[in-house]
């Protein structure tokens, strides 16, 4: 669906474990749901506010959606919006960037300027 990157948030330790093992299978929530949760640039800040509120030591993975092939499916989720879900492990080579997601003074995660703030889209 989207030709641009997709985004995934995880704890730094989860990402470091993936780098050590050579495979990322997602967080415990991803495992419970049966797929790895991703968001678009327009969705990720709201996803952080809903699912990662107040969490420290979170990193944002920027992932090449095209590199995920047919394992990436766009499915309805929050309010019927289509969200990218990965059915299978995330190939580490598909990760374009890993950035810290620090908490701002308001307790929300601080995203790079090219990621819209919640409610800005």
PDB file of N, CA and C in Angstrom:
ATOM      1  N   UNK A   1       0.833  -1.196   0.000  1.00  0.00           N
ATOM      2  CA  UNK A   1       0.000   0.000   0.000  1.00  0.00           C
ATOM      3  C   UNK A   1       0.874   1.254   0.000  1.00  0.00           C
ATOM      4  N   UNK A   2       1.660   1.444   1.039  1.00  0.00           N
ATOM      5  CA  UNK A   2       2.530   2.609   1.136  1.00  0.00           C
ATOM      6  C   UNK A   2       3.880   2.319   0.502  1.00  0.00           C
ATOM      7  N   UNK A   3       4.376   3.269  -0.278  1.00  0.00           N
ATOM      8  CA  UNK A   3       5.687   3.100  -0.875  1.00  0.00           C
ATOM      9  C   UNK A   3       6.803   3.606   0.021  1.00  0.00           C
ATOM     10  N   UNK A   4       6.453   4.305   1.075  1.00  0.00           N
ATOM     11  CA  UNK A   4       7.445   4.866   1.974  1.00  0.00           C
ATOM     12  C   UNK A   4       7.780   3.930   3.110  1.00  0.00           C
ATOM     13  N   UNK A   5       8.537   4.432   4.059  1.00  0.00           N
ATOM     14  CA  UNK A   5       8.903   3.587   5.198  1.00  0.00           C
ATOM     15  C   UNK A   5       7.721   3.370   6.145  1.00  0.00           C
ATOM     16  N   UNK A   6       7.849   2.342   6.958  1.00  0.00           N
ATOM     17  CA  UNK A   6       6.925   2.087   8.055  1.00  0.00           C
ATOM     18  C   UNK A   6       7.754   2.104   9.333  1.00  0.00           C
ATOM     19  N   UNK A   7       7.076   2.247  10.470  1.00  0.00           N
ATOM     20  CA  UNK A   7       7.764   2.468  11.734  1.00  0.00           C
ATOM     21  C   UNK A   7       7.307   1.463  12.783  1.00  0.00           C
ATOM     22  N   UNK A   8       8.272   1.065  13.622  1.00  0.00           N
ATOM     23  CA  UNK A   8       7.986   0.151  14.730  1.00  0.00           C
ATOM     24  C   UNK A   8       8.711   0.665  15.959  1.00  0.00           C
ATOM     25  N   UNK A   9       8.031   0.623  17.097  1.00  0.00           N
ATOM     26  CA  UNK A   9       8.632   1.032  18.362  1.00  0.00           C
ATOM     27  C   UNK A   9       8.884  -0.191  19.221  1.00  0.00           C
ATOM     28  N   UNK A  10      10.040  -0.211  19.863  1.00  0.00           N
ATOM     29  CA  UNK A  10      10.337  -1.292  20.797  1.00  0.00           C
ATOM     30  C   UNK A  10      11.297  -0.769  21.857  1.00  0.00           C
ATOM     31  N   UNK A  11      11.459  -1.558  22.882  1.00  0.00           N
ATOM     32  CA  UNK A  11      12.429  -1.194  23.919  1.00  0.00           C
ATOM     33  C   UNK A  11      13.835  -1.441  23.379  1.00  0.00           C
ATOM     34  N   UNK A  12      14.746  -0.619  23.821  1.00  0.00           N
ATOM     35  CA  UNK A  12      16.134  -0.712  23.366  1.00  0.00           C
ATOM     36  C   UNK A  12      16.679  -2.132  23.579  1.00  0.00           C
ATOM     37  N   UNK A  13      16.379  -2.739  24.711  1.00  0.00           N
ATOM     38  CA  UNK A  13      16.871  -4.084  24.998  1.00  0.00           C
ATOM     39  C   UNK A  13      16.356  -5.113  24.003  1.00  0.00           C
ATOM     40  N   UNK A  14      15.115  -4.957  23.560  1.00  0.00           N
ATOM     41  CA  UNK A  14      14.558  -5.871  22.552  1.00  0.00           C
ATOM     42  C   UNK A  14      15.329  -5.744  21.239  1.00  0.00           C
ATOM     43  N   UNK A  15      15.644  -4.510  20.856  1.00  0.00           N
ATOM     44  CA  UNK A  15      16.378  -4.295  19.622  1.00  0.00           C
ATOM     45  C   UNK A  15      17.810  -4.811  19.742  1.00  0.00           C
ATOM     46  N   UNK A  16      18.446  -4.574  20.880  1.00  0.00           N
ATOM     47  CA  UNK A  16      19.805  -5.065  21.083  1.00  0.00           C
ATOM     48  C   UNK A  16      19.841  -6.599  21.041  1.00  0.00           C
ATOM     49  N   UNK A  17      18.834  -7.253  21.609  1.00  0.00           N
ATOM     50  CA  UNK A  17      18.757  -8.715  21.556  1.00  0.00           C
ATOM     51  C   UNK A  17      18.603  -9.193  20.114  1.00  0.00           C
ATOM     52  N   UNK A  18      17.825  -8.463  19.324  1.00  0.00           N
ATOM     53  CA  UNK A  18      17.646  -8.823  17.920  1.00  0.00           C
ATOM     54  C   UNK A  18      18.963  -8.710  17.162  1.00  0.00           C
ATOM     55  N   UNK A  19      19.701  -7.658  17.428  1.00  0.00           N
ATOM     56  CA  UNK A  19      20.986  -7.490  16.755  1.00  0.00           C
ATOM     57  C   UNK A  19      21.948  -8.616  17.131  1.00  0.00           C
ATOM     58  N   UNK A  20      21.923  -9.020  18.382  1.00  0.00           N
ATOM     59  CA  UNK A  20      22.815 -10.092  18.837  1.00  0.00           C
ATOM     60  C   UNK A  20      22.438 -11.438  18.224  1.00  0.00           C
ATOM     61  N   UNK A  21      21.126 -11.680  18.088  1.00  0.00           N
ATOM     62  CA  UNK A  21      20.670 -12.977  17.569  1.00  0.00           C
ATOM     63  C   UNK A  21      20.541 -12.991  16.045  1.00  0.00           C
ATOM     64  N   UNK A  22      20.458 -11.806  15.443  1.00  0.00           N
ATOM     65  CA  UNK A  22      20.311 -11.712  13.990  1.00  0.00           C
ATOM     66  C   UNK A  22      18.874 -11.751  13.510  1.00  0.00           C
ATOM     67  N   UNK A  23      17.902 -11.767  14.445  1.00  0.00           N
ATOM     68  CA  UNK A  23      16.491 -11.814  14.055  1.00  0.00           C
ATOM     69  C   UNK A  23      15.653 -11.029  15.066  1.00  0.00           C
ATOM     70  N   UNK A  24      14.657 -10.310  14.554  1.00  0.00           N
ATOM     71  CA  UNK A  24      13.717  -9.592  15.421  1.00  0.00           C
ATOM     72  C   UNK A  24      12.329 -10.168  15.191  1.00  0.00           C
ATOM     73  N   UNK A  25      11.762 -10.737  16.245  1.00  0.00           N
ATOM     74  CA  UNK A  25      10.441 -11.355  16.142  1.00  0.00           C
ATOM     75  C   UNK A  25       9.357 -10.524  16.807  1.00  0.00           C
ATOM     76  N   UNK A  26       9.721  -9.346  17.292  1.00  0.00           N
ATOM     77  CA  UNK A  26       8.731  -8.446  17.872  1.00  0.00           C
ATOM     78  C   UNK A  26       8.740  -8.465  19.386  1.00  0.00           C
ATOM     79  N   UNK A  27       7.882  -7.626  19.932  1.00  0.00           N
ATOM     80  CA  UNK A  27       7.736  -7.509  21.378  1.00  0.00           C
ATOM     81  C   UNK A  27       6.801  -8.599  21.898  1.00  0.00           C
ATOM     82  N   UNK A  28       6.616  -8.645  23.202  1.00  0.00           N
ATOM     83  CA  UNK A  28       5.676  -9.622  23.770  1.00  0.00           C
ATOM     84  C   UNK A  28       4.254  -9.348  23.278  1.00  0.00           C
ATOM     85  N   UNK A  29       3.893  -8.089  23.081  1.00  0.00           N
ATOM     86  CA  UNK A  29       2.557  -7.764  22.549  1.00  0.00           C
ATOM     87  C   UNK A  29       2.425  -8.246  21.114  1.00  0.00           C
ATOM     88  N   UNK A  30       3.482  -8.077  20.317  1.00  0.00           N
ATOM     89  CA  UNK A  30       3.461  -8.573  18.941  1.00  0.00           C
ATOM     90  C   UNK A  30       3.253 -10.089  18.935  1.00  0.00           C
ATOM     91  N   UNK A  31       3.979 -10.786  19.796  1.00  0.00           N
ATOM     92  CA  UNK A  31       3.856 -12.247  19.866  1.00  0.00           C
ATOM     93  C   UNK A  31       2.432 -12.651  20.232  1.00  0.00           C
ATOM     94  N   UNK A  32       1.821 -11.931  21.168  1.00  0.00           N
ATOM     95  CA  UNK A  32       0.446 -12.241  21.580  1.00  0.00           C
ATOM     96  C   UNK A  32      -0.539 -12.024  20.440  1.00  0.00           C
ATOM     97  N   UNK A  33      -0.283 -11.020  19.606  1.00  0.00           N
ATOM     98  CA  UNK A  33      -1.193 -10.693  18.503  1.00  0.00           C
ATOM     99  C   UNK A  33      -0.910 -11.503  17.235  1.00  0.00           C
ATOM    100  N   UNK A  34       0.260 -12.124  17.147  1.00  0.00           N
ATOM    101  CA  UNK A  34       0.583 -12.957  15.997  1.00  0.00           C
ATOM    102  C   UNK A  34       1.203 -12.220  14.831  1.00  0.00           C
ATOM    103  N   UNK A  35       1.580 -10.970  15.029  1.00  0.00           N
ATOM    104  CA  UNK A  35       2.239 -10.188  13.981  1.00  0.00           C
ATOM    105  C   UNK A  35       2.986  -9.038  14.635  1.00  0.00           C
ATOM    106  N   UNK A  36       3.911  -8.442  13.886  1.00  0.00           N
ATOM    107  CA  UNK A  36       4.653  -7.276  14.376  1.00  0.00           C
ATOM    108  C   UNK A  36       3.896  -6.025  13.948  1.00  0.00           C
ATOM    109  N   UNK A  37       3.586  -5.175  14.909  1.00  0.00           N
ATOM    110  CA  UNK A  37       2.846  -3.932  14.664  1.00  0.00           C
ATOM    111  C   UNK A  37       3.755  -2.872  14.058  1.00  0.00           C
ATOM    112  N   UNK A  38       3.273  -2.237  13.015  1.00  0.00           N
ATOM    113  CA  UNK A  38       3.937  -1.095  12.410  1.00  0.00           C
ATOM    114  C   UNK A  38       2.927   0.036  12.281  1.00  0.00           C
ATOM    115  N   UNK A  39       3.442   1.233  12.020  1.00  0.00           N
ATOM    116  CA  UNK A  39       2.613   2.406  11.771  1.00  0.00           C
ATOM    117  C   UNK A  39       3.228   3.182  10.616  1.00  0.00           C
ATOM    118  N   UNK A  40       2.413   4.017   9.991  1.00  0.00           N
ATOM    119  CA  UNK A  40       2.923   4.966   9.002  1.00  0.00           C
ATOM    120  C   UNK A  40       3.425   6.201   9.742  1.00  0.00           C
ATOM    121  N   UNK A  41       4.028   7.114   9.024  1.00  0.00           N
ATOM    122  CA  UNK A  41       4.490   8.367   9.635  1.00  0.00           C
ATOM    123  C   UNK A  41       3.317   9.126  10.251  1.00  0.00           C
ATOM    124  N   UNK A  42       2.153   9.066   9.602  1.00  0.00           N
ATOM    125  CA  UNK A  42       0.986   9.790  10.107  1.00  0.00           C
ATOM    126  C   UNK A  42       0.355   9.104  11.325  1.00  0.00           C
ATOM    127  N   UNK A  43       0.681   7.840  11.565  1.00  0.00           N
ATOM    128  CA  UNK A  43       0.065   7.068  12.656  1.00  0.00           C
ATOM    129  C   UNK A  43       0.967   6.876  13.869  1.00  0.00           C
ATOM    130  N   UNK A  44       2.269   6.950  13.692  1.00  0.00           N
ATOM    131  CA  UNK A  44       3.184   6.475  14.723  1.00  0.00           C
ATOM    132  C   UNK A  44       3.141   7.292  16.017  1.00  0.00           C
ATOM    133  N   UNK A  45       2.979   8.589  15.945  1.00  0.00           N
ATOM    134  CA  UNK A  45       2.951   9.382  17.178  1.00  0.00           C
ATOM    135  C   UNK A  45       1.720   9.043  18.019  1.00  0.00           C
ATOM    136  N   UNK A  46       0.572   8.839  17.372  1.00  0.00           N
ATOM    137  CA  UNK A  46      -0.622   8.435  18.117  1.00  0.00           C
ATOM    138  C   UNK A  46      -0.468   7.026  18.673  1.00  0.00           C
ATOM    139  N   UNK A  47       0.185   6.154  17.926  1.00  0.00           N
ATOM    140  CA  UNK A  47       0.447   4.803  18.421  1.00  0.00           C
ATOM    141  C   UNK A  47       1.341   4.851  19.657  1.00  0.00           C
ATOM    142  N   UNK A  48       2.340   5.726  19.636  1.00  0.00           N
ATOM    143  CA  UNK A  48       3.222   5.872  20.796  1.00  0.00           C
ATOM    144  C   UNK A  48       2.437   6.363  22.007  1.00  0.00           C
ATOM    145  N   UNK A  49       1.571   7.350  21.796  1.00  0.00           N
ATOM    146  CA  UNK A  49       0.774   7.894  22.900  1.00  0.00           C
ATOM    147  C   UNK A  49      -0.169   6.839  23.474  1.00  0.00           C
ATOM    148  N   UNK A  50      -0.681   5.969  22.624  1.00  0.00           N
ATOM    149  CA  UNK A  50      -1.631   4.952  23.072  1.00  0.00           C
ATOM    150  C   UNK A  50      -0.948   3.743  23.695  1.00  0.00           C
ATOM    151  N   UNK A  51       0.153   3.264  23.087  1.00  0.00           N
ATOM    152  CA  UNK A  51       0.740   1.990  23.495  1.00  0.00           C
ATOM    153  C   UNK A  51       2.067   2.103  24.237  1.00  0.00           C
ATOM    154  N   UNK A  52       2.720   3.237  24.174  1.00  0.00           N
ATOM    155  CA  UNK A  52       4.038   3.391  24.804  1.00  0.00           C
ATOM    156  C   UNK A  52       4.096   4.593  25.742  1.00  0.00           C
ATOM    157  N   UNK A  53       2.951   5.107  26.154  1.00  0.00           N
ATOM    158  CA  UNK A  53       2.893   6.312  26.992  1.00  0.00           C
ATOM    159  C   UNK A  53       3.774   6.168  28.233  1.00  0.00           C
ATOM    160  N   UNK A  54       4.639   7.141  28.422  1.00  0.00           N
ATOM    161  CA  UNK A  54       5.486   7.193  29.602  1.00  0.00           C
ATOM    162  C   UNK A  54       6.650   6.222  29.611  1.00  0.00           C
ATOM    163  N   UNK A  55       6.772   5.377  28.607  1.00  0.00           N
ATOM    164  CA  UNK A  55       7.867   4.403  28.584  1.00  0.00           C
ATOM    165  C   UNK A  55       9.174   5.071  28.175  1.00  0.00           C
ATOM    166  N   UNK A  56      10.204   4.748  28.912  1.00  0.00           N
ATOM    167  CA  UNK A  56      11.534   5.253  28.581  1.00  0.00           C
ATOM    168  C   UNK A  56      12.309   4.149  27.865  1.00  0.00           C
ATOM    169  N   UNK A  57      13.429   4.522  27.316  1.00  0.00           N
ATOM    170  CA  UNK A  57      14.324   3.584  26.634  1.00  0.00           C
ATOM    171  C   UNK A  57      13.658   2.910  25.438  1.00  0.00           C
ATOM    172  N   UNK A  58      12.847   3.694  24.712  1.00  0.00           N
ATOM    173  CA  UNK A  58      12.160   3.218  23.515  1.00  0.00           C
ATOM    174  C   UNK A  58      12.932   3.712  22.295  1.00  0.00           C
ATOM    175  N   UNK A  59      13.023   2.845  21.280  1.00  0.00           N
ATOM    176  CA  UNK A  59      13.639   3.241  20.014  1.00  0.00           C
ATOM    177  C   UNK A  59      12.605   3.115  18.902  1.00  0.00           C
ATOM    178  N   UNK A  60      12.805   3.917  17.872  1.00  0.00           N
ATOM    179  CA  UNK A  60      11.951   3.908  16.698  1.00  0.00           C
ATOM    180  C   UNK A  60      12.735   3.300  15.548  1.00  0.00           C
ATOM    181  N   UNK A  61      12.204   2.203  15.001  1.00  0.00           N
ATOM    182  CA  UNK A  61      12.810   1.578  13.830  1.00  0.00           C
ATOM    183  C   UNK A  61      12.128   2.131  12.586  1.00  0.00           C
ATOM    184  N   UNK A  62      12.894   2.643  11.660  1.00  0.00           N
ATOM    185  CA  UNK A  62      12.399   3.054  10.352  1.00  0.00           C
ATOM    186  C   UNK A  62      12.720   1.911   9.407  1.00  0.00           C
ATOM    187  N   UNK A  63      11.678   1.366   8.774  1.00  0.00           N
ATOM    188  CA  UNK A  63      11.822   0.130   8.014  1.00  0.00           C
ATOM    189  C   UNK A  63      11.367   0.335   6.570  1.00  0.00           C
ATOM    190  N   UNK A  64      12.125  -0.233   5.644  1.00  0.00           N
ATOM    191  CA  UNK A  64      11.785  -0.207   4.226  1.00  0.00           C
ATOM    192  C   UNK A  64      10.625  -1.163   3.993  1.00  0.00           C
ATOM    193  N   UNK A  65       9.432  -0.623   3.780  1.00  0.00           N
ATOM    194  CA  UNK A  65       8.236  -1.455   3.606  1.00  0.00           C
ATOM    195  C   UNK A  65       8.368  -2.388   2.409  1.00  0.00           C
ATOM    196  N   UNK A  66       8.975  -1.920   1.334  1.00  0.00           N
ATOM    197  CA  UNK A  66       9.105  -2.732   0.126  1.00  0.00           C
ATOM    198  C   UNK A  66       9.958  -3.978   0.377  1.00  0.00           C
ATOM    199  N   UNK A  67      10.906  -3.887   1.303  1.00  0.00           N
ATOM    200  CA  UNK A  67      11.783  -5.018   1.589  1.00  0.00           C
ATOM    201  C   UNK A  67      11.070  -6.139   2.336  1.00  0.00           C
ATOM    202  N   UNK A  68       9.865  -5.869   2.831  1.00  0.00           N
ATOM    203  CA  UNK A  68       9.137  -6.864   3.619  1.00  0.00           C
ATOM    204  C   UNK A  68       8.258  -7.762   2.756  1.00  0.00           C
ATOM    205  N   UNK A  69       8.051  -7.353   1.510  1.00  0.00           N
ATOM    206  CA  UNK A  69       7.297  -8.176   0.575  1.00  0.00           C
ATOM    207  C   UNK A  69       5.888  -8.486   1.042  1.00  0.00           C
ATOM    208  N   UNK A  70       5.417  -9.673   0.669  1.00  0.00           N
ATOM    209  CA  UNK A  70       4.050 -10.084   0.978  1.00  0.00           C
ATOM    210  C   UNK A  70       3.786 -10.377   2.434  1.00  0.00           C
ATOM    211  N   UNK A  71       4.829 -10.433   3.257  1.00  0.00           N
ATOM    212  CA  UNK A  71       4.633 -10.661   4.692  1.00  0.00           C
ATOM    213  C   UNK A  71       4.040  -9.428   5.377  1.00  0.00           C
ATOM    214  N   UNK A  72       4.136  -8.261   4.729  1.00  0.00           N
ATOM    215  CA  UNK A  72       3.553  -7.026   5.262  1.00  0.00           C
ATOM    216  C   UNK A  72       2.144  -6.887   4.714  1.00  0.00           C
ATOM    217  N   UNK A  73       1.185  -6.863   5.603  1.00  0.00           N
ATOM    218  CA  UNK A  73      -0.221  -6.746   5.209  1.00  0.00           C
ATOM    219  C   UNK A  73      -0.818  -5.483   5.832  1.00  0.00           C
ATOM    220  N   UNK A  74      -1.665  -4.829   5.055  1.00  0.00           N
ATOM    221  CA  UNK A  74      -2.350  -3.621   5.520  1.00  0.00           C
ATOM    222  C   UNK A  74      -3.745  -4.023   5.976  1.00  0.00           C
ATOM    223  N   UNK A  75      -4.000  -3.857   7.287  1.00  0.00           N
ATOM    224  CA  UNK A  75      -5.244  -4.351   7.866  1.00  0.00           C
ATOM    225  C   UNK A  75      -5.925  -3.261   8.693  1.00  0.00           C
ATOM    226  N   UNK A  76      -7.262  -3.277   8.719  1.00  0.00           N
ATOM    227  CA  UNK A  76      -7.982  -2.282   9.511  1.00  0.00           C
ATOM    228  C   UNK A  76      -7.708  -2.456  10.996  1.00  0.00           C
ATOM    229  N   UNK A  77      -7.543  -1.339  11.657  1.00  0.00           N
ATOM    230  CA  UNK A  77      -7.322  -1.345  13.099  1.00  0.00           C
ATOM    231  C   UNK A  77      -8.069  -0.154  13.688  1.00  0.00           C
ATOM    232  N   UNK A  78      -7.365   0.670  14.426  1.00  0.00           N
ATOM    233  CA  UNK A  78      -7.968   1.802  15.137  1.00  0.00           C
ATOM    234  C   UNK A  78      -8.838   2.651  14.206  1.00  0.00           C
ATOM    235  N   UNK A  79     -10.130   2.734  14.516  1.00  0.00           N
ATOM    236  CA  UNK A  79     -11.112   3.539  13.763  1.00  0.00           C
ATOM    237  C   UNK A  79     -11.168   3.156  12.288  1.00  0.00           C
ATOM    238  N   UNK A  80     -10.854   1.894  11.977  1.00  0.00           N
ATOM    239  CA  UNK A  80     -10.925   1.419  10.601  1.00  0.00           C
ATOM    240  C   UNK A  80      -9.737   1.796   9.730  1.00  0.00           C
ATOM    241  N   UNK A  81      -8.780   2.531  10.271  1.00  0.00           N
ATOM    242  CA  UNK A  81      -7.597   2.915   9.495  1.00  0.00           C
ATOM    243  C   UNK A  81      -6.762   1.673   9.193  1.00  0.00           C
ATOM    244  N   UNK A  82      -6.129   1.654   8.032  1.00  0.00           N
ATOM    245  CA  UNK A  82      -5.272   0.544   7.663  1.00  0.00           C
ATOM    246  C   UNK A  82      -3.892   0.717   8.294  1.00  0.00           C
ATOM    247  N   UNK A  83      -3.453  -0.321   9.000  1.00  0.00           N
ATOM    248  CA  UNK A  83      -2.141  -0.324   9.641  1.00  0.00           C
ATOM    249  C   UNK A  83      -1.309  -1.455   9.038  1.00  0.00           C
ATOM    250  N   UNK A  84      -0.008  -1.246   8.903  1.00  0.00           N
ATOM    251  CA  UNK A  84       0.863  -2.306   8.412  1.00  0.00           C
ATOM    252  C   UNK A  84       1.191  -3.305   9.522  1.00  0.00           C
ATOM    253  N   UNK A  85       0.995  -4.590   9.223  1.00  0.00           N
ATOM    254  CA  UNK A  85       1.304  -5.679  10.154  1.00  0.00           C
ATOM    255  C   UNK A  85       2.221  -6.654   9.436  1.00  0.00           C
ATOM    256  N   UNK A  86       3.297  -7.045  10.108  1.00  0.00           N
ATOM    257  CA  UNK A  86       4.256  -7.975   9.515  1.00  0.00           C
ATOM    258  C   UNK A  86       4.041  -9.366  10.091  1.00  0.00           C
ATOM    259  N   UNK A  87       3.740 -10.305   9.222  1.00  0.00           N
ATOM    260  CA  UNK A  87       3.541 -11.702   9.611  1.00  0.00           C
ATOM    261  C   UNK A  87       4.836 -12.459   9.347  1.00  0.00           C
ATOM    262  N   UNK A  88       5.667 -12.515  10.345  1.00  0.00           N
ATOM    263  CA  UNK A  88       6.968 -13.156  10.264  1.00  0.00           C
ATOM    264  C   UNK A  88       8.012 -12.262  10.902  1.00  0.00           C
ATOM    265  N   UNK A  89       9.237 -12.743  10.983  1.00  0.00           N
ATOM    266  CA  UNK A  89      10.291 -11.935  11.596  1.00  0.00           C
ATOM    267  C   UNK A  89      10.668 -10.745  10.721  1.00  0.00           C
ATOM    268  N   UNK A  90      11.174  -9.718  11.356  1.00  0.00           N
ATOM    269  CA  UNK A  90      11.653  -8.524  10.655  1.00  0.00           C
ATOM    270  C   UNK A  90      13.100  -8.751  10.229  1.00  0.00           C
ATOM    271  N   UNK A  91      13.368  -8.748   8.926  1.00  0.00           N
ATOM    272  CA  UNK A  91      14.766  -8.861   8.486  1.00  0.00           C
ATOM    273  C   UNK A  91      15.546  -7.619   8.918  1.00  0.00           C
ATOM    274  N   UNK A  92      16.621  -7.822   9.626  1.00  0.00           N
ATOM    275  CA  UNK A  92      17.388  -6.676  10.131  1.00  0.00           C
ATOM    276  C   UNK A  92      17.882  -5.789   9.001  1.00  0.00           C
ATOM    277  N   UNK A  93      18.126  -6.366   7.829  1.00  0.00           N
ATOM    278  CA  UNK A  93      18.593  -5.586   6.679  1.00  0.00           C
ATOM    279  C   UNK A  93      17.535  -4.600   6.184  1.00  0.00           C
ATOM    280  N   UNK A  94      16.269  -4.811   6.536  1.00  0.00           N
ATOM    281  CA  UNK A  94      15.197  -3.905   6.108  1.00  0.00           C
ATOM    282  C   UNK A  94      15.121  -2.653   6.978  1.00  0.00           C
ATOM    283  N   UNK A  95      15.838  -2.643   8.100  1.00  0.00           N
ATOM    284  CA  UNK A  95      15.814  -1.501   9.017  1.00  0.00           C
ATOM    285  C   UNK A  95      16.742  -0.416   8.481  1.00  0.00           C
ATOM    286  N   UNK A  96      16.147   0.724   8.164  1.00  0.00           N
ATOM    287  CA  UNK A  96      16.893   1.847   7.587  1.00  0.00           C
ATOM    288  C   UNK A  96      17.544   2.723   8.646  1.00  0.00           C
ATOM    289  N   UNK A  97      16.900   2.839   9.814  1.00  0.00           N
ATOM    290  CA  UNK A  97      17.406   3.700  10.887  1.00  0.00           C
ATOM    291  C   UNK A  97      16.822   3.252  12.217  1.00  0.00           C
ATOM    292  N   UNK A  98      17.572   3.519  13.266  1.00  0.00           N
ATOM    293  CA  UNK A  98      17.125   3.276  14.637  1.00  0.00           C
ATOM    294  C   UNK A  98      17.379   4.567  15.400  1.00  0.00           C
ATOM    295  N   UNK A  99      16.312   5.167  15.911  1.00  0.00           N
ATOM    296  CA  UNK A  99      16.430   6.446  16.615  1.00  0.00           C
ATOM    297  C   UNK A  99      15.826   6.348  18.006  1.00  0.00           C
ATOM    298  N   UNK A 100      16.442   7.047  18.944  1.00  0.00           N
ATOM    299  CA  UNK A 100      15.889   7.135  20.295  1.00  0.00           C
ATOM    300  C   UNK A 100      14.560   7.874  20.251  1.00  0.00           C
ATOM    301  N   UNK A 101      13.650   7.484  21.142  1.00  0.00           N
ATOM    302  CA  UNK A 101      12.380   8.201  21.311  1.00  0.00           C
ATOM    303  C   UNK A 101      12.318   8.709  22.751  1.00  0.00           C
ATOM    304  N   UNK A 102      12.980   9.824  23.016  1.00  0.00           N
ATOM    305  CA  UNK A 102      12.967  10.351  24.379  1.00  0.00           C
ATOM    306  C   UNK A 102      11.597  10.921  24.741  1.00  0.00           C
ATOM    307  N   UNK A 103      11.365  11.018  26.036  1.00  0.00           N
ATOM    308  CA  UNK A 103      10.134  11.649  26.509  1.00  0.00           C
ATOM    309  C   UNK A 103      10.354  13.146  26.641  1.00  0.00           C
ATOM    310  N   UNK A 104       9.380  13.918  26.177  1.00  0.00           N
ATOM    311  CA  UNK A 104       9.425  15.360  26.336  1.00  0.00           C
ATOM    312  C   UNK A 104       8.922  15.754  27.711  1.00  0.00           C
ATOM    313  N   UNK A 105       8.951  17.036  27.992  1.00  0.00           N
ATOM    314  CA  UNK A 105       8.490  17.550  29.284  1.00  0.00           C
ATOM    315  C   UNK A 105       7.024  17.228  29.538  1.00  0.00           C
ATOM    316  N   UNK A 106       6.248  17.064  28.448  1.00  0.00           N
ATOM    317  CA  UNK A 106       4.827  16.759  28.587  1.00  0.00           C
ATOM    318  C   UNK A 106       4.567  15.259  28.753  1.00  0.00           C
ATOM    319  N   UNK A 107       5.636  14.438  28.769  1.00  0.00           N
ATOM    320  CA  UNK A 107       5.484  13.002  28.948  1.00  0.00           C
ATOM    321  C   UNK A 107       5.231  12.234  27.662  1.00  0.00           C
ATOM    322  N   UNK A 108       5.176  12.950  26.536  1.00  0.00           N
ATOM    323  CA  UNK A 108       4.995  12.289  25.238  1.00  0.00           C
ATOM    324  C   UNK A 108       6.354  12.106  24.573  1.00  0.00           C
ATOM    325  N   UNK A 109       6.431  11.099  23.720  1.00  0.00           N
ATOM    326  CA  UNK A 109       7.675  10.853  23.010  1.00  0.00           C
ATOM    327  C   UNK A 109       7.950  11.962  21.997  1.00  0.00           C
ATOM    328  N   UNK A 110       9.211  12.286  21.847  1.00  0.00           N
ATOM    329  CA  UNK A 110       9.644  13.342  20.935  1.00  0.00           C
ATOM    330  C   UNK A 110      10.115  12.692  19.641  1.00  0.00           C
ATOM    331  N   UNK A 111       9.429  13.021  18.545  1.00  0.00           N
ATOM    332  CA  UNK A 111       9.742  12.474  17.225  1.00  0.00           C
ATOM    333  C   UNK A 111      10.509  13.495  16.403  1.00  0.00           C
ATOM    334  N   UNK A 112      11.186  12.998  15.386  1.00  0.00           N
ATOM    335  CA  UNK A 112      11.886  13.869  14.451  1.00  0.00           C
ATOM    336  C   UNK A 112      10.869  14.775  13.766  1.00  0.00           C
ATOM    337  N   UNK A 113      11.307  15.917  13.253  1.00  0.00           N
ATOM    338  CA  UNK A 113      10.374  16.881  12.645  1.00  0.00           C
ATOM    339  C   UNK A 113       9.534  16.330  11.495  1.00  0.00           C
ATOM    340  N   UNK A 114       9.998  15.261  10.814  1.00  0.00           N
ATOM    341  CA  UNK A 114       9.231  14.747   9.683  1.00  0.00           C
ATOM    342  C   UNK A 114       8.110  13.797  10.102  1.00  0.00           C
ATOM    343  N   UNK A 115       7.965  13.556  11.408  1.00  0.00           N
ATOM    344  CA  UNK A 115       6.872  12.728  11.934  1.00  0.00           C
ATOM    345  C   UNK A 115       5.851  13.681  12.545  1.00  0.00           C
ATOM    346  N   UNK A 116       4.581  13.650  12.073  1.00  0.00           N
ATOM    347  CA  UNK A 116       3.578  14.568  12.616  1.00  0.00           C
ATOM    348  C   UNK A 116       3.274  14.313  14.087  1.00  0.00           C
ATOM    349  N   UNK A 117       3.054  15.365  14.829  1.00  0.00           N
ATOM    350  CA  UNK A 117       2.635  15.239  16.223  1.00  0.00           C
ATOM    351  C   UNK A 117       1.198  14.701  16.257  1.00  0.00           C
ATOM    352  N   UNK A 118       0.810  14.028  17.362  1.00  0.00           N
ATOM    353  CA  UNK A 118      -0.566  13.532  17.455  1.00  0.00           C
ATOM    354  C   UNK A 118      -1.575  14.639  17.211  1.00  0.00           C
ATOM    355  N   UNK A 119      -2.541  14.354  16.361  1.00  0.00           N
ATOM    356  CA  UNK A 119      -3.591  15.311  16.048  1.00  0.00           C
ATOM    357  C   UNK A 119      -3.221  16.318  14.981  1.00  0.00           C
ATOM    358  N   UNK A 120      -1.969  16.266  14.472  1.00  0.00           N
ATOM    359  CA  UNK A 120      -1.523  17.263  13.499  1.00  0.00           C
ATOM    360  C   UNK A 120      -1.916  16.917  12.066  1.00  0.00           C
ATOM    361  N   UNK A 121      -2.278  15.640  11.822  1.00  0.00           N
ATOM    362  CA  UNK A 121      -2.596  15.283  10.423  1.00  0.00           C
ATOM    363  C   UNK A 121      -3.998  15.644  10.022  1.00  0.00           C
TER     364      UNK A 121
END
